[in-house]
PDB file of N, CA and C in Angstrom:
ATOM      1  N   MET A   1       0.851  -1.210  -0.010  1.00  0.00           N
ATOM      2  CA  MET A   1      -0.012  -0.015  -0.018  1.00  0.00           C
ATOM      3  C   MET A   1       0.907   1.259   0.061  1.00  0.00           C
ATOM      4  N   THR A   2       0.639   2.156  -0.899  1.00  0.00           N
ATOM      5  CA  THR A   2       1.390   3.391  -0.901  1.00  0.00           C
ATOM      6  C   THR A   2       1.048   4.316   0.232  1.00  0.00           C
ATOM      7  N   THR A   3       1.827   5.361   0.342  1.00  0.00           N
ATOM      8  CA  THR A   3       1.530   6.331   1.392  1.00  0.00           C
ATOM      9  C   THR A   3       0.137   6.946   1.225  1.00  0.00           C
ATOM     10  N   ILE A   4      -0.151   7.380   0.007  1.00  0.00           N
ATOM     11  CA  ILE A   4      -1.436   8.033  -0.208  1.00  0.00           C
ATOM     12  C   ILE A   4      -2.591   7.084  -0.022  1.00  0.00           C
ATOM     13  N   GLU A   5      -2.439   5.878  -0.411  1.00  0.00           N
ATOM     14  CA  GLU A   5      -3.477   4.904  -0.193  1.00  0.00           C
ATOM     15  C   GLU A   5      -3.699   4.686   1.293  1.00  0.00           C
ATOM     16  N   ARG A   6      -2.639   4.707   2.056  1.00  0.00           N
ATOM     17  CA  ARG A   6      -2.731   4.581   3.506  1.00  0.00           C
ATOM     18  C   ARG A   6      -3.461   5.811   4.151  1.00  0.00           C
ATOM     19  N   LEU A   7      -3.115   6.955   3.651  1.00  0.00           N
ATOM     20  CA  LEU A   7      -3.827   8.191   4.145  1.00  0.00           C
ATOM     21  C   LEU A   7      -5.303   8.163   3.811  1.00  0.00           C
ATOM     22  N   VAL A   8      -5.638   7.744   2.623  1.00  0.00           N
ATOM     23  CA  VAL A   8      -7.061   7.655   2.148  1.00  0.00           C
ATOM     24  C   VAL A   8      -7.727   6.640   3.068  1.00  0.00           C
ATOM     25  N   TYR A   9      -7.182   5.504   3.249  1.00  0.00           N
ATOM     26  CA  TYR A   9      -7.725   4.490   4.160  1.00  0.00           C
ATOM     27  C   TYR A   9      -7.943   4.986   5.584  1.00  0.00           C
ATOM     28  N   MET A  10      -6.983   5.693   6.150  1.00  0.00           N
ATOM     29  CA  MET A  10      -7.022   6.275   7.425  1.00  0.00           C
ATOM     30  C   MET A  10      -8.193   7.269   7.567  1.00  0.00           C
ATOM     31  N   ALA A  11      -8.231   8.239   6.553  1.00  0.00           N
ATOM     32  CA  ALA A  11      -9.277   9.256   6.497  1.00  0.00           C
ATOM     33  C   ALA A  11     -10.690   8.557   6.463  1.00  0.00           C
ATOM     34  N   ASN A  12     -10.824   7.555   5.644  1.00  0.00           N
ATOM     35  CA  ASN A  12     -12.085   6.854   5.573  1.00  0.00           C
ATOM     36  C   ASN A  12     -12.479   6.090   6.835  1.00  0.00           C
ATOM     37  N   GLN A  13     -11.500   5.540   7.470  1.00  0.00           N
ATOM     38  CA  GLN A  13     -11.721   4.873   8.825  1.00  0.00           C
ATOM     39  C   GLN A  13     -12.154   5.904   9.802  1.00  0.00           C
ATOM     40  N   ILE A  14     -11.456   7.013   9.894  1.00  0.00           N
ATOM     41  CA  ILE A  14     -11.918   8.053  10.809  1.00  0.00           C
ATOM     42  C   ILE A  14     -13.335   8.564  10.546  1.00  0.00           C
ATOM     43  N   ALA A  15     -13.693   8.709   9.311  1.00  0.00           N
ATOM     44  CA  ALA A  15     -15.010   9.143   8.893  1.00  0.00           C
ATOM     45  C   ALA A  15     -16.044   8.075   9.325  1.00  0.00           C
ATOM     46  N   ALA A  16     -15.701   6.820   9.142  1.00  0.00           N
ATOM     47  CA  ALA A  16     -16.634   5.710   9.528  1.00  0.00           C
ATOM     48  C   ALA A  16     -16.804   5.788  11.034  1.00  0.00           C
ATOM     49  N   ASN A  17     -15.754   5.931  11.804  1.00  0.00           N
ATOM     50  CA  ASN A  17     -15.818   5.991  13.293  1.00  0.00           C
ATOM     51  C   ASN A  17     -16.586   7.128  13.836  1.00  0.00           C
ATOM     52  N   LEU A  18     -16.628   8.231  13.097  1.00  0.00           N
ATOM     53  CA  LEU A  18     -17.280   9.461  13.568  1.00  0.00           C
ATOM     54  C   LEU A  18     -18.580   9.739  12.844  1.00  0.00           C
ATOM     55  N   ALA A  19     -19.064   8.647  12.171  1.00  0.00           N
ATOM     56  CA  ALA A  19     -20.294   8.834  11.341  1.00  0.00           C
ATOM     57  C   ALA A  19     -21.508   9.291  12.182  1.00  0.00           C
ATOM     58  N   THR A  20     -21.552   8.913  13.419  1.00  0.00           N
ATOM     59  CA  THR A  20     -22.733   9.250  14.198  1.00  0.00           C
ATOM     60  C   THR A  20     -22.634  10.579  14.929  1.00  0.00           C
ATOM     61  N   ASP A  21     -21.527  11.264  14.768  1.00  0.00           N
ATOM     62  CA  ASP A  21     -21.321  12.565  15.339  1.00  0.00           C
ATOM     63  C   ASP A  21     -22.348  13.561  14.743  1.00  0.00           C
ATOM     64  N   GLU A  22     -22.691  14.587  15.470  1.00  0.00           N
ATOM     65  CA  GLU A  22     -23.665  15.576  15.070  1.00  0.00           C
ATOM     66  C   GLU A  22     -23.192  16.221  13.705  1.00  0.00           C
ATOM     67  N   ASP A  23     -21.839  16.450  13.558  1.00  0.00           N
ATOM     68  CA  ASP A  23     -21.271  17.027  12.321  1.00  0.00           C
ATOM     69  C   ASP A  23     -20.123  16.151  12.019  1.00  0.00           C
ATOM     70  N   PRO A  24     -20.398  14.997  11.307  1.00  0.00           N
ATOM     71  CA  PRO A  24     -19.308  14.052  10.982  1.00  0.00           C
ATOM     72  C   PRO A  24     -18.088  14.635  10.274  1.00  0.00           C
ATOM     73  N   ALA A  25     -18.377  15.471   9.237  1.00  0.00           N
ATOM     74  CA  ALA A  25     -17.267  16.100   8.506  1.00  0.00           C
ATOM     75  C   ALA A  25     -16.425  16.963   9.394  1.00  0.00           C
ATOM     76  N   GLY A  26     -17.099  17.787  10.185  1.00  0.00           N
ATOM     77  CA  GLY A  26     -16.441  18.643  11.035  1.00  0.00           C
ATOM     78  C   GLY A  26     -15.619  17.929  12.097  1.00  0.00           C
ATOM     79  N   ALA A  27     -16.145  16.751  12.549  1.00  0.00           N
ATOM     80  CA  ALA A  27     -15.382  15.973  13.566  1.00  0.00           C
ATOM     81  C   ALA A  27     -14.126  15.299  12.933  1.00  0.00           C
ATOM     82  N   VAL A  28     -14.286  14.915  11.662  1.00  0.00           N
ATOM     83  CA  VAL A  28     -13.113  14.304  10.934  1.00  0.00           C
ATOM     84  C   VAL A  28     -12.099  15.415  10.678  1.00  0.00           C
ATOM     85  N   ALA A  29     -12.541  16.575  10.265  1.00  0.00           N
ATOM     86  CA  ALA A  29     -11.643  17.639  10.012  1.00  0.00           C
ATOM     87  C   ALA A  29     -10.858  17.997  11.284  1.00  0.00           C
ATOM     88  N   GLU A  30     -11.612  18.047  12.424  1.00  0.00           N
ATOM     89  CA  GLU A  30     -10.942  18.384  13.657  1.00  0.00           C
ATOM     90  C   GLU A  30      -9.848  17.349  14.056  1.00  0.00           C
ATOM     91  N   HIS A  31     -10.276  16.113  13.909  1.00  0.00           N
ATOM     92  CA  HIS A  31      -9.393  14.977  14.240  1.00  0.00           C
ATOM     93  C   HIS A  31      -8.085  15.100  13.376  1.00  0.00           C
ATOM     94  N   ILE A  32      -8.272  15.277  12.106  1.00  0.00           N
ATOM     95  CA  ILE A  32      -7.083  15.337  11.215  1.00  0.00           C
ATOM     96  C   ILE A  32      -6.265  16.560  11.555  1.00  0.00           C
ATOM     97  N   ALA A  33      -6.875  17.704  11.825  1.00  0.00           N
ATOM     98  CA  ALA A  33      -6.096  18.945  12.129  1.00  0.00           C
ATOM     99  C   ALA A  33      -5.334  18.700  13.342  1.00  0.00           C
ATOM    100  N   LEU A  34      -5.882  18.032  14.401  1.00  0.00           N
ATOM    101  CA  LEU A  34      -5.206  17.850  15.655  1.00  0.00           C
ATOM    102  C   LEU A  34      -4.100  16.735  15.652  1.00  0.00           C
ATOM    103  N   PHE A  35      -4.327  15.676  14.885  1.00  0.00           N
ATOM    104  CA  PHE A  35      -3.453  14.546  15.068  1.00  0.00           C
ATOM    105  C   PHE A  35      -2.574  14.163  13.872  1.00  0.00           C
ATOM    106  N   TRP A  36      -2.881  14.718  12.738  1.00  0.00           N
ATOM    107  CA  TRP A  36      -2.055  14.358  11.543  1.00  0.00           C
ATOM    108  C   TRP A  36      -0.901  15.280  11.401  1.00  0.00           C
ATOM    109  N   ASP A  37       0.214  14.750  11.069  1.00  0.00           N
ATOM    110  CA  ASP A  37       1.444  15.476  10.827  1.00  0.00           C
ATOM    111  C   ASP A  37       1.222  16.426   9.613  1.00  0.00           C
ATOM    112  N   PRO A  38       1.770  17.627   9.590  1.00  0.00           N
ATOM    113  CA  PRO A  38       1.575  18.496   8.437  1.00  0.00           C
ATOM    114  C   PRO A  38       1.953  17.882   7.062  1.00  0.00           C
ATOM    115  N   ARG A  39       2.938  16.982   7.004  1.00  0.00           N
ATOM    116  CA  ARG A  39       3.285  16.318   5.806  1.00  0.00           C
ATOM    117  C   ARG A  39       2.160  15.407   5.277  1.00  0.00           C
ATOM    118  N   MET A  40       1.466  14.765   6.243  1.00  0.00           N
ATOM    119  CA  MET A  40       0.296  13.886   5.926  1.00  0.00           C
ATOM    120  C   MET A  40      -0.782  14.786   5.319  1.00  0.00           C
ATOM    121  N   LYS A  41      -1.086  15.855   5.985  1.00  0.00           N
ATOM    122  CA  LYS A  41      -2.129  16.752   5.501  1.00  0.00           C
ATOM    123  C   LYS A  41      -1.856  17.255   4.111  1.00  0.00           C
ATOM    124  N   LYS A  42      -0.577  17.687   3.932  1.00  0.00           N
ATOM    125  CA  LYS A  42      -0.182  18.184   2.606  1.00  0.00           C
ATOM    126  C   LYS A  42      -0.397  17.121   1.466  1.00  0.00           C
ATOM    127  N   LEU A  43      -0.014  15.895   1.777  1.00  0.00           N
ATOM    128  CA  LEU A  43      -0.222  14.855   0.754  1.00  0.00           C
ATOM    129  C   LEU A  43      -1.737  14.608   0.430  1.00  0.00           C
ATOM    130  N   ILE A  44      -2.537  14.556   1.494  1.00  0.00           N
ATOM    131  CA  ILE A  44      -3.980  14.306   1.220  1.00  0.00           C
ATOM    132  C   ILE A  44      -4.651  15.486   0.537  1.00  0.00           C
ATOM    133  N   PHE A  45      -4.200  16.758   0.860  1.00  0.00           N
ATOM    134  CA  PHE A  45      -4.676  17.874   0.140  1.00  0.00           C
ATOM    135  C   PHE A  45      -4.325  17.785  -1.354  1.00  0.00           C
ATOM    136  N   GLN A  46      -3.132  17.460  -1.701  1.00  0.00           N
ATOM    137  CA  GLN A  46      -2.702  17.394  -3.032  1.00  0.00           C
ATOM    138  C   GLN A  46      -3.356  16.246  -3.768  1.00  0.00           C
ATOM    139  N   HIS A  47      -3.717  15.165  -3.094  1.00  0.00           N
ATOM    140  CA  HIS A  47      -4.336  14.059  -3.723  1.00  0.00           C
ATOM    141  C   HIS A  47      -5.740  14.325  -4.148  1.00  0.00           C
ATOM    142  N   GLY A  48      -6.475  15.052  -3.370  1.00  0.00           N
ATOM    143  CA  GLY A  48      -7.872  15.360  -3.744  1.00  0.00           C
ATOM    144  C   GLY A  48      -8.852  14.257  -3.242  1.00  0.00           C
ATOM    145  N   PRO A  49     -10.117  14.306  -3.707  1.00  0.00           N
ATOM    146  CA  PRO A  49     -11.121  13.477  -3.134  1.00  0.00           C
ATOM    147  C   PRO A  49     -11.099  12.020  -3.640  1.00  0.00           C
ATOM    148  N   GLU A  50     -10.334  11.658  -4.617  1.00  0.00           N
ATOM    149  CA  GLU A  50     -10.400  10.316  -5.118  1.00  0.00           C
ATOM    150  C   GLU A  50     -10.232   9.267  -4.072  1.00  0.00           C
ATOM    151  N   GLY A  51     -11.173   8.343  -3.990  1.00  0.00           N
ATOM    152  CA  GLY A  51     -11.090   7.289  -3.041  1.00  0.00           C
ATOM    153  C   GLY A  51     -11.637   7.532  -1.639  1.00  0.00           C
ATOM    154  N   LEU A  52     -11.937   8.859  -1.352  1.00  0.00           N
ATOM    155  CA  LEU A  52     -12.371   9.194  -0.082  1.00  0.00           C
ATOM    156  C   LEU A  52     -13.913   9.071   0.040  1.00  0.00           C
ATOM    157  N   SER A  53     -14.419   8.713   1.172  1.00  0.00           N
ATOM    158  CA  SER A  53     -15.850   8.693   1.362  1.00  0.00           C
ATOM    159  C   SER A  53     -16.326  10.096   1.302  1.00  0.00           C
ATOM    160  N   PRO A  54     -17.663  10.356   1.075  1.00  0.00           N
ATOM    161  CA  PRO A  54     -18.154  11.737   1.023  1.00  0.00           C
ATOM    162  C   PRO A  54     -17.837  12.556   2.300  1.00  0.00           C
ATOM    163  N   VAL A  55     -17.918  11.947   3.451  1.00  0.00           N
ATOM    164  CA  VAL A  55     -17.661  12.638   4.676  1.00  0.00           C
ATOM    165  C   VAL A  55     -16.142  12.973   4.721  1.00  0.00           C
ATOM    166  N   ALA A  56     -15.268  12.038   4.438  1.00  0.00           N
ATOM    167  CA  ALA A  56     -13.859  12.281   4.475  1.00  0.00           C
ATOM    168  C   ALA A  56     -13.476  13.325   3.447  1.00  0.00           C
ATOM    169  N   ALA A  57     -14.060  13.262   2.255  1.00  0.00           N
ATOM    170  CA  ALA A  57     -13.757  14.242   1.232  1.00  0.00           C
ATOM    171  C   ALA A  57     -14.134  15.637   1.656  1.00  0.00           C
ATOM    172  N   THR A  58     -15.374  15.780   2.273  1.00  0.00           N
ATOM    173  CA  THR A  58     -15.824  17.058   2.770  1.00  0.00           C
ATOM    174  C   THR A  58     -14.832  17.605   3.854  1.00  0.00           C
ATOM    175  N   ALA A  59     -14.418  16.756   4.782  1.00  0.00           N
ATOM    176  CA  ALA A  59     -13.503  17.127   5.835  1.00  0.00           C
ATOM    177  C   ALA A  59     -12.244  17.665   5.264  1.00  0.00           C
ATOM    178  N   ILE A  60     -11.663  16.917   4.251  1.00  0.00           N
ATOM    179  CA  ILE A  60     -10.398  17.312   3.657  1.00  0.00           C
ATOM    180  C   ILE A  60     -10.548  18.629   2.906  1.00  0.00           C
ATOM    181  N   HIS A  61     -11.684  18.797   2.254  1.00  0.00           N
ATOM    182  CA  HIS A  61     -11.887  20.067   1.564  1.00  0.00           C
ATOM    183  C   HIS A  61     -12.032  21.221   2.505  1.00  0.00           C
ATOM    184  N   GLN A  62     -12.696  21.025   3.624  1.00  0.00           N
ATOM    185  CA  GLN A  62     -12.806  22.076   4.640  1.00  0.00           C
ATOM    186  C   GLN A  62     -11.428  22.459   5.169  1.00  0.00           C
ATOM    187  N   LEU A  63     -10.617  21.491   5.508  1.00  0.00           N
ATOM    188  CA  LEU A  63      -9.285  21.712   5.973  1.00  0.00           C
ATOM    189  C   LEU A  63      -8.360  22.478   5.000  1.00  0.00           C
ATOM    190  N   ALA A  64      -8.466  22.063   3.783  1.00  0.00           N
ATOM    191  CA  ALA A  64      -7.668  22.670   2.732  1.00  0.00           C
ATOM    192  C   ALA A  64      -8.075  24.149   2.552  1.00  0.00           C
ATOM    193  N   GLN A  65      -9.379  24.437   2.567  1.00  0.00           N
ATOM    194  CA  GLN A  65      -9.835  25.790   2.490  1.00  0.00           C
ATOM    195  C   GLN A  65      -9.345  26.596   3.667  1.00  0.00           C
ATOM    196  N   LYS A  66      -9.460  26.064   4.865  1.00  0.00           N
ATOM    197  CA  LYS A  66      -9.016  26.763   6.059  1.00  0.00           C
ATOM    198  C   LYS A  66      -7.515  27.057   6.011  1.00  0.00           C
ATOM    199  N   GLN A  67      -6.733  26.075   5.534  1.00  0.00           N
ATOM    200  CA  GLN A  67      -5.276  26.269   5.433  1.00  0.00           C
ATOM    201  C   GLN A  67      -4.929  27.402   4.417  1.00  0.00           C
ATOM    202  N   ASN A  68      -5.732  27.423   3.307  1.00  0.00           N
ATOM    203  CA  ASN A  68      -5.507  28.399   2.207  1.00  0.00           C
ATOM    204  C   ASN A  68      -6.150  29.742   2.565  1.00  0.00           C
ATOM    205  N   GLY A  69      -6.814  29.889   3.665  1.00  0.00           N
ATOM    206  CA  GLY A  69      -7.415  31.134   4.112  1.00  0.00           C
ATOM    207  C   GLY A  69      -8.651  31.484   3.342  1.00  0.00           C
ATOM    208  N   GLU A  70      -9.344  30.525   2.757  1.00  0.00           N
ATOM    209  CA  GLU A  70     -10.539  30.793   2.025  1.00  0.00           C
ATOM    210  C   GLU A  70     -11.780  30.830   2.937  1.00  0.00           C
TER     211      GLU A  70
END
């Protein structure tokens, strides 16, 4: 498994585990912001939504926008 495949897998697992949260995408975004290394976040932002669940893709999109000051 490549690094990006592992990151996609991890993001999808986090999304599955937080699916019952009131705001699942927000919870996933918060988890990734708090616990992922900046290099991991950079790779997943560059990768885009391919292979991500809808919740994980939304979370990554939110984080990327926040990082870019949008």
